[in-house]
Structure formats: structure tokens, C-alpha cells
């Protein structure tokens, strides 16, 4: 069975379960489709239901899960971390960001782990003195990124590997959005 087929089966089961639970709570109300989608993405991606407020973000990530990592790539045949972050920001947040993780960091207001919110960026210095990796924070210490070892996936900031190399979080500055999009 293909991965997409399995996800479809999980989606149908999750939606049926969520609908049944919702119907049981209040038989006179129909289930909210956005709430059902949030519950589905919460189960599939391992993020708490209350953290899945941006369904467009989760749908975008879902479409890219499993895409292989290719340095310099920016298509579903292969993509690197900064191209993936750039694609998310363009398609989900309608914001243009730069193409290199170090350059992207220059567009942010640095944040600590405990200040991160959904859609913020997370930066890593992996076996390097400079920023070498970027991902998009989802909530509950999870982030989406294009990993050299596993392609596009969701990882946890508390995993020892990411804890060791985490540098800072970042939120795109309003001034950076304006100055870059005007160019």
C-alpha cells in the first residue's frame, strides 16, 4: 500500500471517529469541518489539537511529507530546508523570505524555545559555527523541515540531536517583510 493510501484510510477513520464523538456530544449540531481537520492533522502529525489552528499550514506540510532532501532542490522531486521554509512562507503566510537559512535568520527577531509560536522559524547550527538548518515550528515542540536523513518530516525539538544543535527561534520582522517584498 502507498503512503498516501494509508493516510487516506487514517483520515477517513479519524474523521468518522471525530464526527461520531462530535455527534455524541451534541446530536443536533453538525461537526465543524475545520475542527475535524485539526483532529486529523493532530493525530497524523503528532501535534496537540489546540496547536493545529492553521489548517492551511498542516495541509501544505502533509502534501510534502516524505519528499526527499536534495541540496539546492525546490520541487517535490527533492527540496532542501531553506527552500521548504520559503515555500511554506510563500504559500501559507503569503510572505516572501530569503533562500538561505543564515539569510532567513537575518530577517527575524530571535526567540528562545519557550517563546515559539506556530509558524515561527527554528534555526540550528549543525556541526558548524554558523546557521546551517531551518524549520517551521508547529507547536508542542514539533517542527516541520527538510532533513538530510529523512526528507520532509516533522521532528521534535526535544530529541537529543535537535536539542544539541538548536540555535534559536525566530519570528519574521514586519520591517523585513515589507523591505523584502518591495524589492
N, C-alpha and C. Protein backbone atom coordinates (compact mmCIF):
# COMPACT_ATOMS: atom_id res chain seq x y z
N UNK A 1 0.84 -1.18 0.00
CA UNK A 1 0.00 0.00 0.00
C UNK A 1 0.88 1.24 0.00
N UNK A 2 0.43 2.28 -0.68
CA UNK A 2 1.19 3.51 -0.72
C UNK A 2 0.94 4.33 0.53
N UNK A 3 1.86 5.24 0.79
CA UNK A 3 1.74 6.11 1.97
C UNK A 3 0.49 6.96 1.88
N UNK A 4 0.20 7.52 0.71
CA UNK A 4 -0.99 8.37 0.54
C UNK A 4 -2.27 7.56 0.79
N UNK A 5 -2.30 6.31 0.33
CA UNK A 5 -3.46 5.45 0.53
C UNK A 5 -3.67 5.21 2.02
N UNK A 6 -2.58 4.92 2.74
CA UNK A 6 -2.68 4.69 4.19
C UNK A 6 -3.16 5.95 4.90
N UNK A 7 -2.63 7.11 4.51
CA UNK A 7 -3.08 8.36 5.12
C UNK A 7 -4.55 8.60 4.85
N UNK A 8 -5.02 8.25 3.65
CA UNK A 8 -6.42 8.42 3.30
C UNK A 8 -7.29 7.55 4.19
N UNK A 9 -6.87 6.31 4.41
CA UNK A 9 -7.61 5.41 5.28
C UNK A 9 -7.63 5.96 6.71
N UNK A 10 -6.49 6.44 7.17
CA UNK A 10 -6.41 7.04 8.52
C UNK A 10 -7.31 8.26 8.60
N UNK A 11 -7.28 9.10 7.55
CA UNK A 11 -8.12 10.29 7.52
C UNK A 11 -9.59 9.93 7.63
N UNK A 12 -10.04 8.97 6.84
CA UNK A 12 -11.44 8.56 6.86
C UNK A 12 -11.82 8.03 8.24
N UNK A 13 -10.97 7.18 8.79
CA UNK A 13 -11.23 6.65 10.13
C UNK A 13 -11.25 7.73 11.19
N UNK A 14 -10.29 8.66 11.10
CA UNK A 14 -10.23 9.76 12.07
C UNK A 14 -11.43 10.67 11.95
N UNK A 15 -11.81 10.99 10.72
CA UNK A 15 -12.96 11.86 10.52
C UNK A 15 -14.24 11.18 11.00
N UNK A 16 -14.39 9.88 10.71
CA UNK A 16 -15.56 9.16 11.18
C UNK A 16 -15.61 9.13 12.71
N UNK A 17 -14.47 8.87 13.32
CA UNK A 17 -14.39 8.84 14.79
C UNK A 17 -14.68 10.21 15.37
N UNK A 18 -14.05 11.23 14.79
CA UNK A 18 -14.26 12.59 15.29
C UNK A 18 -15.71 13.02 15.11
N UNK A 19 -16.29 12.66 13.97
CA UNK A 19 -17.68 13.01 13.72
C UNK A 19 -18.59 12.31 14.72
N UNK A 20 -18.32 11.04 14.96
CA UNK A 20 -19.15 10.29 15.91
C UNK A 20 -19.05 10.89 17.31
N UNK A 21 -17.84 11.27 17.71
CA UNK A 21 -17.66 11.89 19.02
C UNK A 21 -18.38 13.23 19.09
N UNK A 22 -18.26 14.00 18.03
CA UNK A 22 -18.91 15.30 17.98
C UNK A 22 -20.43 15.13 18.00
N UNK A 23 -20.92 14.16 17.24
CA UNK A 23 -22.37 13.90 17.17
C UNK A 23 -22.88 13.44 18.53
N UNK A 24 -22.07 12.64 19.21
CA UNK A 24 -22.48 12.16 20.53
C UNK A 24 -22.58 13.32 21.52
N UNK A 25 -21.68 14.30 21.39
CA UNK A 25 -21.71 15.44 22.32
C UNK A 25 -22.95 16.29 22.11
N UNK A 26 -23.30 16.50 20.86
CA UNK A 26 -24.46 17.34 20.58
C UNK A 26 -25.08 16.86 19.27
N UNK A 27 -26.07 16.02 19.39
CA UNK A 27 -26.66 15.36 18.22
C UNK A 27 -27.31 16.35 17.26
N UNK A 28 -27.62 17.54 17.72
CA UNK A 28 -28.31 18.48 16.85
C UNK A 28 -27.36 19.35 16.03
N UNK A 29 -26.06 19.32 16.33
CA UNK A 29 -25.10 20.13 15.58
C UNK A 29 -24.26 19.25 14.67
N UNK A 30 -23.96 19.77 13.47
CA UNK A 30 -23.03 19.07 12.59
C UNK A 30 -21.61 19.36 13.04
N UNK A 31 -20.72 18.41 12.78
CA UNK A 31 -19.31 18.61 13.15
C UNK A 31 -18.70 19.72 12.30
N UNK A 32 -17.88 20.53 12.92
CA UNK A 32 -17.17 21.61 12.24
C UNK A 32 -16.04 21.01 11.40
N UNK A 33 -16.04 21.21 10.07
CA UNK A 33 -15.01 20.61 9.22
C UNK A 33 -13.59 21.04 9.62
N UNK A 34 -13.42 22.30 10.02
CA UNK A 34 -12.08 22.74 10.44
C UNK A 34 -11.64 22.01 11.70
N UNK A 35 -12.57 21.76 12.62
CA UNK A 35 -12.25 21.04 13.83
C UNK A 35 -11.87 19.59 13.50
N UNK A 36 -12.58 18.99 12.57
CA UNK A 36 -12.28 17.61 12.16
C UNK A 36 -10.89 17.55 11.51
N UNK A 37 -10.60 18.52 10.66
CA UNK A 37 -9.28 18.57 10.02
C UNK A 37 -8.20 18.76 11.08
N UNK A 38 -8.45 19.61 12.06
CA UNK A 38 -7.49 19.81 13.14
C UNK A 38 -7.23 18.51 13.89
N UNK A 39 -8.30 17.77 14.18
CA UNK A 39 -8.14 16.50 14.88
C UNK A 39 -7.34 15.51 14.04
N UNK A 40 -7.62 15.47 12.75
CA UNK A 40 -6.89 14.57 11.86
C UNK A 40 -5.40 14.91 11.84
N UNK A 41 -5.08 16.17 11.58
CA UNK A 41 -3.68 16.56 11.50
C UNK A 41 -2.98 16.40 12.84
N UNK A 42 -3.73 16.58 13.90
CA UNK A 42 -3.18 16.37 15.23
C UNK A 42 -2.74 14.91 15.39
N UNK A 43 -3.58 13.98 14.98
CA UNK A 43 -3.25 12.55 15.10
C UNK A 43 -2.11 12.16 14.17
N UNK A 44 -2.18 12.55 12.92
CA UNK A 44 -1.19 12.14 11.93
C UNK A 44 0.17 12.77 12.19
N UNK A 45 0.18 14.03 12.61
CA UNK A 45 1.45 14.75 12.74
C UNK A 45 1.94 14.82 14.18
N UNK A 46 1.17 14.30 15.11
CA UNK A 46 1.64 14.26 16.49
C UNK A 46 1.67 15.60 17.18
N UNK A 47 0.77 16.49 16.80
CA UNK A 47 0.69 17.82 17.41
C UNK A 47 -0.65 17.92 18.11
N UNK A 48 -0.69 18.57 19.27
CA UNK A 48 -1.93 18.68 20.03
C UNK A 48 -3.01 19.38 19.21
N UNK A 49 -4.26 18.98 19.41
CA UNK A 49 -5.38 19.55 18.67
C UNK A 49 -5.39 21.06 18.81
N UNK A 50 -5.16 21.57 20.00
CA UNK A 50 -5.20 23.01 20.19
C UNK A 50 -4.03 23.73 19.52
N UNK A 51 -3.07 22.98 19.01
CA UNK A 51 -1.94 23.59 18.31
C UNK A 51 -2.15 23.64 16.80
N UNK A 52 -3.24 23.05 16.32
CA UNK A 52 -3.46 22.98 14.87
C UNK A 52 -4.44 24.05 14.41
N UNK A 53 -4.16 25.29 14.73
CA UNK A 53 -5.08 26.36 14.37
C UNK A 53 -4.98 26.75 12.90
N UNK A 54 -3.85 26.48 12.26
CA UNK A 54 -3.65 26.88 10.87
C UNK A 54 -3.73 25.65 9.97
N UNK A 55 -4.94 25.31 9.57
CA UNK A 55 -5.16 24.10 8.76
C UNK A 55 -4.41 24.20 7.44
N UNK A 56 -4.33 25.39 6.86
CA UNK A 56 -3.61 25.57 5.60
C UNK A 56 -2.14 25.14 5.76
N UNK A 57 -1.55 25.47 6.89
CA UNK A 57 -0.16 25.08 7.17
C UNK A 57 -0.02 23.56 7.20
N UNK A 58 -0.92 22.89 7.91
CA UNK A 58 -0.82 21.45 8.05
C UNK A 58 -1.11 20.72 6.74
N UNK A 59 -2.04 21.23 5.97
CA UNK A 59 -2.32 20.63 4.67
C UNK A 59 -1.09 20.75 3.76
N UNK A 60 -0.46 21.92 3.79
CA UNK A 60 0.73 22.12 2.96
C UNK A 60 1.83 21.14 3.36
N UNK A 61 2.09 21.03 4.64
CA UNK A 61 3.14 20.12 5.12
C UNK A 61 2.79 18.68 4.75
N UNK A 62 1.55 18.30 4.94
CA UNK A 62 1.10 16.93 4.61
C UNK A 62 1.42 16.59 3.17
N UNK A 63 1.19 17.54 2.27
CA UNK A 63 1.45 17.31 0.84
C UNK A 63 2.93 17.08 0.54
N UNK A 64 3.80 17.57 1.42
CA UNK A 64 5.24 17.48 1.18
C UNK A 64 5.92 16.37 1.99
N UNK A 65 5.23 15.81 2.99
CA UNK A 65 5.84 14.78 3.84
C UNK A 65 6.43 13.67 2.96
N UNK A 66 7.68 13.31 3.25
CA UNK A 66 8.35 12.24 2.52
C UNK A 66 9.13 12.70 1.30
N UNK A 67 8.96 13.96 0.90
CA UNK A 67 9.74 14.47 -0.24
C UNK A 67 11.22 14.36 0.12
N UNK A 68 12.03 13.78 -0.75
CA UNK A 68 13.45 13.61 -0.42
C UNK A 68 14.20 14.94 -0.30
N UNK A 69 15.27 14.89 0.46
CA UNK A 69 16.15 16.06 0.60
C UNK A 69 17.12 16.08 -0.58
N UNK A 70 17.20 17.21 -1.24
CA UNK A 70 18.22 17.44 -2.26
C UNK A 70 18.75 18.85 -2.04
N UNK A 71 20.04 18.97 -1.78
CA UNK A 71 20.64 20.29 -1.57
C UNK A 71 20.41 21.15 -2.82
N UNK A 72 19.83 22.32 -2.61
CA UNK A 72 19.53 23.22 -3.72
C UNK A 72 18.20 22.93 -4.39
N UNK A 73 17.54 21.84 -3.99
CA UNK A 73 16.26 21.48 -4.61
C UNK A 73 15.12 22.34 -4.11
N UNK A 74 14.09 22.47 -4.95
CA UNK A 74 12.92 23.24 -4.54
C UNK A 74 11.63 22.72 -5.18
N UNK A 75 11.61 21.41 -5.47
CA UNK A 75 10.42 20.78 -6.04
C UNK A 75 10.10 19.52 -5.23
N UNK A 76 9.00 18.87 -5.58
CA UNK A 76 8.61 17.64 -4.88
C UNK A 76 9.51 16.47 -5.26
N UNK A 77 10.36 16.65 -6.25
CA UNK A 77 11.38 15.63 -6.55
C UNK A 77 12.49 15.66 -5.51
N UNK A 78 12.67 16.82 -4.88
CA UNK A 78 13.68 17.00 -3.85
C UNK A 78 13.77 18.45 -3.45
N UNK A 79 13.95 18.68 -2.16
CA UNK A 79 13.95 20.05 -1.63
C UNK A 79 14.92 20.12 -0.46
N UNK A 80 15.48 21.29 -0.23
CA UNK A 80 16.32 21.47 0.96
C UNK A 80 15.56 22.28 2.01
N UNK A 81 16.17 22.44 3.17
CA UNK A 81 15.46 23.03 4.31
C UNK A 81 15.02 24.47 4.06
N UNK A 82 15.90 25.28 3.49
CA UNK A 82 15.53 26.68 3.31
C UNK A 82 14.48 26.85 2.21
N UNK A 83 14.54 26.04 1.17
CA UNK A 83 13.52 26.10 0.12
C UNK A 83 12.17 25.66 0.68
N UNK A 84 12.17 24.67 1.57
CA UNK A 84 10.92 24.21 2.17
C UNK A 84 10.33 25.32 3.05
N UNK A 85 11.15 25.95 3.88
CA UNK A 85 10.67 27.06 4.72
C UNK A 85 10.15 28.20 3.84
N UNK A 86 10.88 28.50 2.79
CA UNK A 86 10.48 29.57 1.86
C UNK A 86 9.13 29.24 1.22
N UNK A 87 8.94 27.99 0.79
CA UNK A 87 7.68 27.57 0.17
C UNK A 87 6.52 27.69 1.15
N UNK A 88 6.74 27.28 2.40
CA UNK A 88 5.69 27.40 3.41
C UNK A 88 5.30 28.86 3.59
N UNK A 89 6.30 29.72 3.72
CA UNK A 89 6.00 31.13 3.95
C UNK A 89 5.29 31.76 2.76
N UNK A 90 5.67 31.38 1.56
CA UNK A 90 5.00 31.94 0.39
C UNK A 90 3.58 31.43 0.24
N UNK A 91 3.38 30.13 0.36
CA UNK A 91 2.07 29.53 0.09
C UNK A 91 1.09 29.63 1.25
N UNK A 92 1.60 29.58 2.47
CA UNK A 92 0.72 29.57 3.64
C UNK A 92 0.55 30.97 4.24
N UNK A 93 1.66 31.71 4.34
CA UNK A 93 1.63 33.01 5.01
C UNK A 93 1.69 34.20 4.04
N UNK A 94 1.74 33.91 2.73
CA UNK A 94 1.83 34.97 1.72
C UNK A 94 2.95 35.96 2.01
N UNK A 95 4.09 35.43 2.40
CA UNK A 95 5.25 36.23 2.76
C UNK A 95 6.48 35.67 2.06
N UNK A 96 7.23 36.55 1.43
CA UNK A 96 8.48 36.13 0.79
C UNK A 96 9.62 36.23 1.79
N UNK A 97 10.39 35.16 1.86
CA UNK A 97 11.59 35.19 2.69
C UNK A 97 12.77 34.80 1.81
N UNK A 98 13.95 35.03 2.31
CA UNK A 98 15.16 34.73 1.55
C UNK A 98 15.34 33.22 1.41
N UNK A 99 16.36 32.80 0.68
CA UNK A 99 16.51 31.39 0.29
C UNK A 99 17.53 30.62 1.12
N UNK A 100 18.33 31.28 1.91
CA UNK A 100 19.40 30.63 2.67
C UNK A 100 19.09 30.76 4.16
N UNK A 101 19.33 29.69 4.93
CA UNK A 101 18.95 29.70 6.35
C UNK A 101 19.62 30.85 7.12
N UNK A 102 20.86 31.17 6.83
CA UNK A 102 21.51 32.30 7.51
C UNK A 102 20.86 33.62 7.13
N UNK A 103 20.52 33.77 5.85
CA UNK A 103 19.86 34.99 5.40
C UNK A 103 18.45 35.10 5.98
N UNK A 104 17.76 33.97 6.07
CA UNK A 104 16.42 33.98 6.67
C UNK A 104 16.51 34.44 8.12
N UNK A 105 17.51 33.94 8.84
CA UNK A 105 17.67 34.33 10.25
C UNK A 105 17.84 35.85 10.37
N UNK A 106 18.49 36.46 9.40
CA UNK A 106 18.70 37.92 9.45
C UNK A 106 17.38 38.69 9.32
N UNK A 107 16.33 38.02 8.90
CA UNK A 107 15.01 38.66 8.75
C UNK A 107 14.14 38.48 9.98
N UNK A 108 14.69 37.89 11.04
CA UNK A 108 13.86 37.53 12.19
C UNK A 108 14.23 38.30 13.46
N UNK A 109 13.29 38.28 14.37
CA UNK A 109 13.51 38.69 15.74
C UNK A 109 13.81 37.39 16.49
N UNK A 110 15.05 37.21 16.99
CA UNK A 110 15.41 35.95 17.65
C UNK A 110 14.53 35.65 18.86
N UNK A 111 14.24 34.36 19.05
CA UNK A 111 13.39 33.90 20.14
C UNK A 111 14.02 32.69 20.83
N UNK A 112 13.68 32.53 22.10
CA UNK A 112 14.08 31.30 22.80
C UNK A 112 13.01 30.23 22.52
N UNK A 113 13.31 29.00 22.88
CA UNK A 113 12.36 27.90 22.65
C UNK A 113 11.00 28.17 23.30
N UNK A 114 11.01 28.72 24.50
CA UNK A 114 9.75 28.92 25.21
C UNK A 114 8.91 30.08 24.66
N UNK A 115 9.45 30.86 23.74
CA UNK A 115 8.70 31.95 23.13
C UNK A 115 8.09 31.57 21.78
N UNK A 116 8.39 30.37 21.29
CA UNK A 116 7.96 29.98 19.95
C UNK A 116 6.46 29.81 19.83
N UNK A 117 5.93 30.25 18.69
CA UNK A 117 4.52 30.08 18.35
C UNK A 117 4.45 29.43 16.97
N UNK A 118 3.31 28.83 16.69
CA UNK A 118 3.09 28.20 15.39
C UNK A 118 3.46 29.17 14.27
N UNK A 119 4.25 28.67 13.32
CA UNK A 119 4.66 29.48 12.18
C UNK A 119 6.00 30.17 12.35
N UNK A 120 6.53 30.19 13.58
CA UNK A 120 7.87 30.75 13.79
C UNK A 120 8.89 29.81 13.15
N UNK A 121 10.09 30.31 13.00
CA UNK A 121 11.17 29.51 12.43
C UNK A 121 12.09 29.01 13.53
N UNK A 122 12.70 27.87 13.31
CA UNK A 122 13.69 27.33 14.24
C UNK A 122 14.99 27.14 13.46
N UNK A 123 16.09 27.55 14.08
CA UNK A 123 17.39 27.54 13.41
C UNK A 123 18.38 26.66 14.18
N UNK A 124 19.23 26.01 13.43
CA UNK A 124 20.19 25.08 14.00
C UNK A 124 21.58 25.35 13.45
N UNK A 125 22.56 25.10 14.31
CA UNK A 125 23.96 25.11 13.89
C UNK A 125 24.43 23.66 14.00
N UNK A 126 24.28 22.93 12.91
CA UNK A 126 24.60 21.50 12.92
C UNK A 126 26.04 21.31 12.48
N UNK A 127 26.86 20.89 13.45
CA UNK A 127 28.29 20.65 13.20
C UNK A 127 28.93 21.82 12.45
N UNK A 128 28.54 23.03 12.86
CA UNK A 128 29.01 24.24 12.19
C UNK A 128 28.96 25.40 13.18
N UNK A 129 29.76 26.43 12.92
CA UNK A 129 29.72 27.63 13.76
C UNK A 129 28.66 28.61 13.26
N UNK A 130 28.12 28.34 12.08
CA UNK A 130 27.07 29.22 11.54
C UNK A 130 25.78 28.43 11.34
N UNK A 131 24.70 29.14 11.18
CA UNK A 131 23.39 28.52 10.98
C UNK A 131 23.43 27.68 9.71
N UNK A 132 22.98 26.43 9.85
CA UNK A 132 23.04 25.52 8.71
C UNK A 132 21.72 24.80 8.42
N UNK A 133 20.69 25.06 9.25
CA UNK A 133 19.42 24.35 9.07
C UNK A 133 18.28 25.21 9.61
N UNK A 134 17.12 25.11 8.95
CA UNK A 134 15.94 25.86 9.37
C UNK A 134 14.70 24.97 9.23
N UNK A 135 13.75 25.19 10.12
CA UNK A 135 12.47 24.50 10.06
C UNK A 135 11.37 25.46 10.49
N UNK A 136 10.12 25.01 10.39
CA UNK A 136 8.97 25.83 10.76
C UNK A 136 8.30 25.19 11.97
N UNK A 137 8.16 25.97 13.04
CA UNK A 137 7.61 25.49 14.30
C UNK A 137 6.10 25.27 14.18
N UNK A 138 5.63 24.14 14.76
CA UNK A 138 4.21 23.79 14.70
C UNK A 138 3.50 23.86 16.03
N UNK A 139 4.23 23.83 17.11
CA UNK A 139 3.63 23.76 18.45
C UNK A 139 4.05 22.47 19.11
N UNK A 140 3.88 22.39 20.42
CA UNK A 140 4.23 21.19 21.19
C UNK A 140 5.65 20.69 20.91
N UNK A 141 6.58 21.61 20.71
CA UNK A 141 7.99 21.31 20.44
C UNK A 141 8.21 20.60 19.10
N UNK A 142 7.24 20.60 18.23
CA UNK A 142 7.39 19.95 16.93
C UNK A 142 7.63 21.00 15.84
N UNK A 143 8.39 20.57 14.84
CA UNK A 143 8.66 21.45 13.71
C UNK A 143 8.75 20.64 12.43
N UNK A 144 8.39 21.28 11.33
CA UNK A 144 8.46 20.66 10.00
C UNK A 144 9.72 21.16 9.33
N UNK A 145 10.41 20.25 8.63
CA UNK A 145 11.65 20.63 7.96
C UNK A 145 12.02 19.59 6.92
N UNK A 146 12.97 19.95 6.09
CA UNK A 146 13.53 19.01 5.12
C UNK A 146 14.86 18.54 5.70
N UNK A 147 14.86 17.32 6.17
CA UNK A 147 16.02 16.73 6.83
C UNK A 147 16.90 16.01 5.82
N UNK A 148 18.21 16.14 5.99
CA UNK A 148 19.12 15.45 5.08
C UNK A 148 18.96 13.93 5.17
N UNK A 149 18.57 13.44 6.34
CA UNK A 149 18.46 11.99 6.52
C UNK A 149 17.08 11.43 6.20
N UNK A 150 16.03 12.25 6.24
CA UNK A 150 14.70 11.70 6.04
C UNK A 150 13.79 12.51 5.14
N UNK A 151 14.32 13.55 4.52
CA UNK A 151 13.47 14.38 3.68
C UNK A 151 12.52 15.21 4.52
N UNK A 152 11.42 15.61 3.93
CA UNK A 152 10.45 16.45 4.64
C UNK A 152 9.75 15.61 5.68
N UNK A 153 9.79 16.10 6.91
CA UNK A 153 9.17 15.37 8.02
C UNK A 153 8.94 16.31 9.19
N UNK A 154 8.34 15.77 10.22
CA UNK A 154 8.11 16.51 11.45
C UNK A 154 8.98 15.90 12.52
N UNK A 155 9.70 16.75 13.23
CA UNK A 155 10.59 16.29 14.29
C UNK A 155 10.28 17.03 15.58
N UNK A 156 10.90 16.59 16.66
CA UNK A 156 10.67 17.17 17.97
C UNK A 156 11.94 17.88 18.44
N UNK A 157 11.79 19.11 18.87
CA UNK A 157 12.93 19.88 19.37
C UNK A 157 13.58 19.23 20.59
N UNK A 158 12.84 18.36 21.28
CA UNK A 158 13.38 17.70 22.47
C UNK A 158 14.18 16.45 22.16
N UNK A 159 14.21 16.04 20.89
CA UNK A 159 15.06 14.91 20.52
C UNK A 159 16.51 15.33 20.78
N UNK A 160 17.32 14.43 21.33
CA UNK A 160 18.71 14.80 21.68
C UNK A 160 19.48 15.46 20.54
N UNK A 161 19.32 14.98 19.33
CA UNK A 161 20.03 15.54 18.18
C UNK A 161 19.68 17.01 17.99
N UNK A 162 18.38 17.32 18.00
CA UNK A 162 17.96 18.71 17.77
C UNK A 162 18.21 19.59 18.98
N UNK A 163 18.14 19.01 20.18
CA UNK A 163 18.48 19.78 21.37
C UNK A 163 19.94 20.21 21.32
N UNK A 164 20.82 19.32 20.89
CA UNK A 164 22.25 19.62 20.83
C UNK A 164 22.56 20.75 19.85
N UNK A 165 21.87 20.77 18.71
CA UNK A 165 22.22 21.72 17.65
C UNK A 165 21.29 22.94 17.54
N UNK A 166 20.22 22.97 18.35
CA UNK A 166 19.31 24.12 18.29
C UNK A 166 20.08 25.40 18.60
N UNK A 167 19.84 26.42 17.76
CA UNK A 167 20.48 27.72 17.98
C UNK A 167 19.46 28.71 18.56
N UNK A 168 18.47 29.07 17.77
CA UNK A 168 17.44 29.99 18.23
C UNK A 168 16.20 29.83 17.37
N UNK A 169 15.10 30.36 17.90
CA UNK A 169 13.91 30.51 17.10
C UNK A 169 13.93 31.90 16.49
N UNK A 170 13.01 32.15 15.60
CA UNK A 170 12.91 33.47 15.01
C UNK A 170 11.53 33.74 14.46
N UNK A 171 11.10 34.98 14.60
CA UNK A 171 9.82 35.42 14.04
C UNK A 171 10.14 36.50 13.01
N UNK A 172 9.59 36.36 11.81
CA UNK A 172 9.87 37.31 10.74
C UNK A 172 9.46 38.71 11.18
N UNK A 173 10.39 39.64 11.05
CA UNK A 173 10.14 41.04 11.41
C UNK A 173 9.22 41.68 10.37
N UNK A 174 8.32 42.52 10.84
CA UNK A 174 7.43 43.24 9.91
C UNK A 174 8.25 44.08 8.94
N UNK A 175 9.31 44.69 9.42
CA UNK A 175 10.15 45.53 8.53
C UNK A 175 10.83 44.68 7.47
N UNK A 176 11.21 43.46 7.82
CA UNK A 176 11.84 42.57 6.86
C UNK A 176 10.83 42.14 5.80
N UNK A 177 9.60 41.89 6.21
CA UNK A 177 8.56 41.51 5.26
C UNK A 177 8.36 42.62 4.23
N UNK A 178 8.24 43.86 4.74
CA UNK A 178 7.98 44.99 3.86
C UNK A 178 9.14 45.27 2.93
N UNK A 179 10.35 45.31 3.50
CA UNK A 179 11.50 45.69 2.66
C UNK A 179 11.80 44.61 1.62
N UNK A 180 11.61 43.35 1.98
CA UNK A 180 11.92 42.29 1.01
C UNK A 180 10.85 42.19 -0.07
N UNK A 181 9.59 42.33 0.30
CA UNK A 181 8.52 42.19 -0.69
C UNK A 181 8.47 43.39 -1.63
N UNK A 182 9.03 44.52 -1.23
CA UNK A 182 9.04 45.71 -2.09
C UNK A 182 10.13 45.65 -3.14
N UNK A 183 11.12 44.78 -2.96
CA UNK A 183 12.24 44.69 -3.91
C UNK A 183 11.80 44.12 -5.23
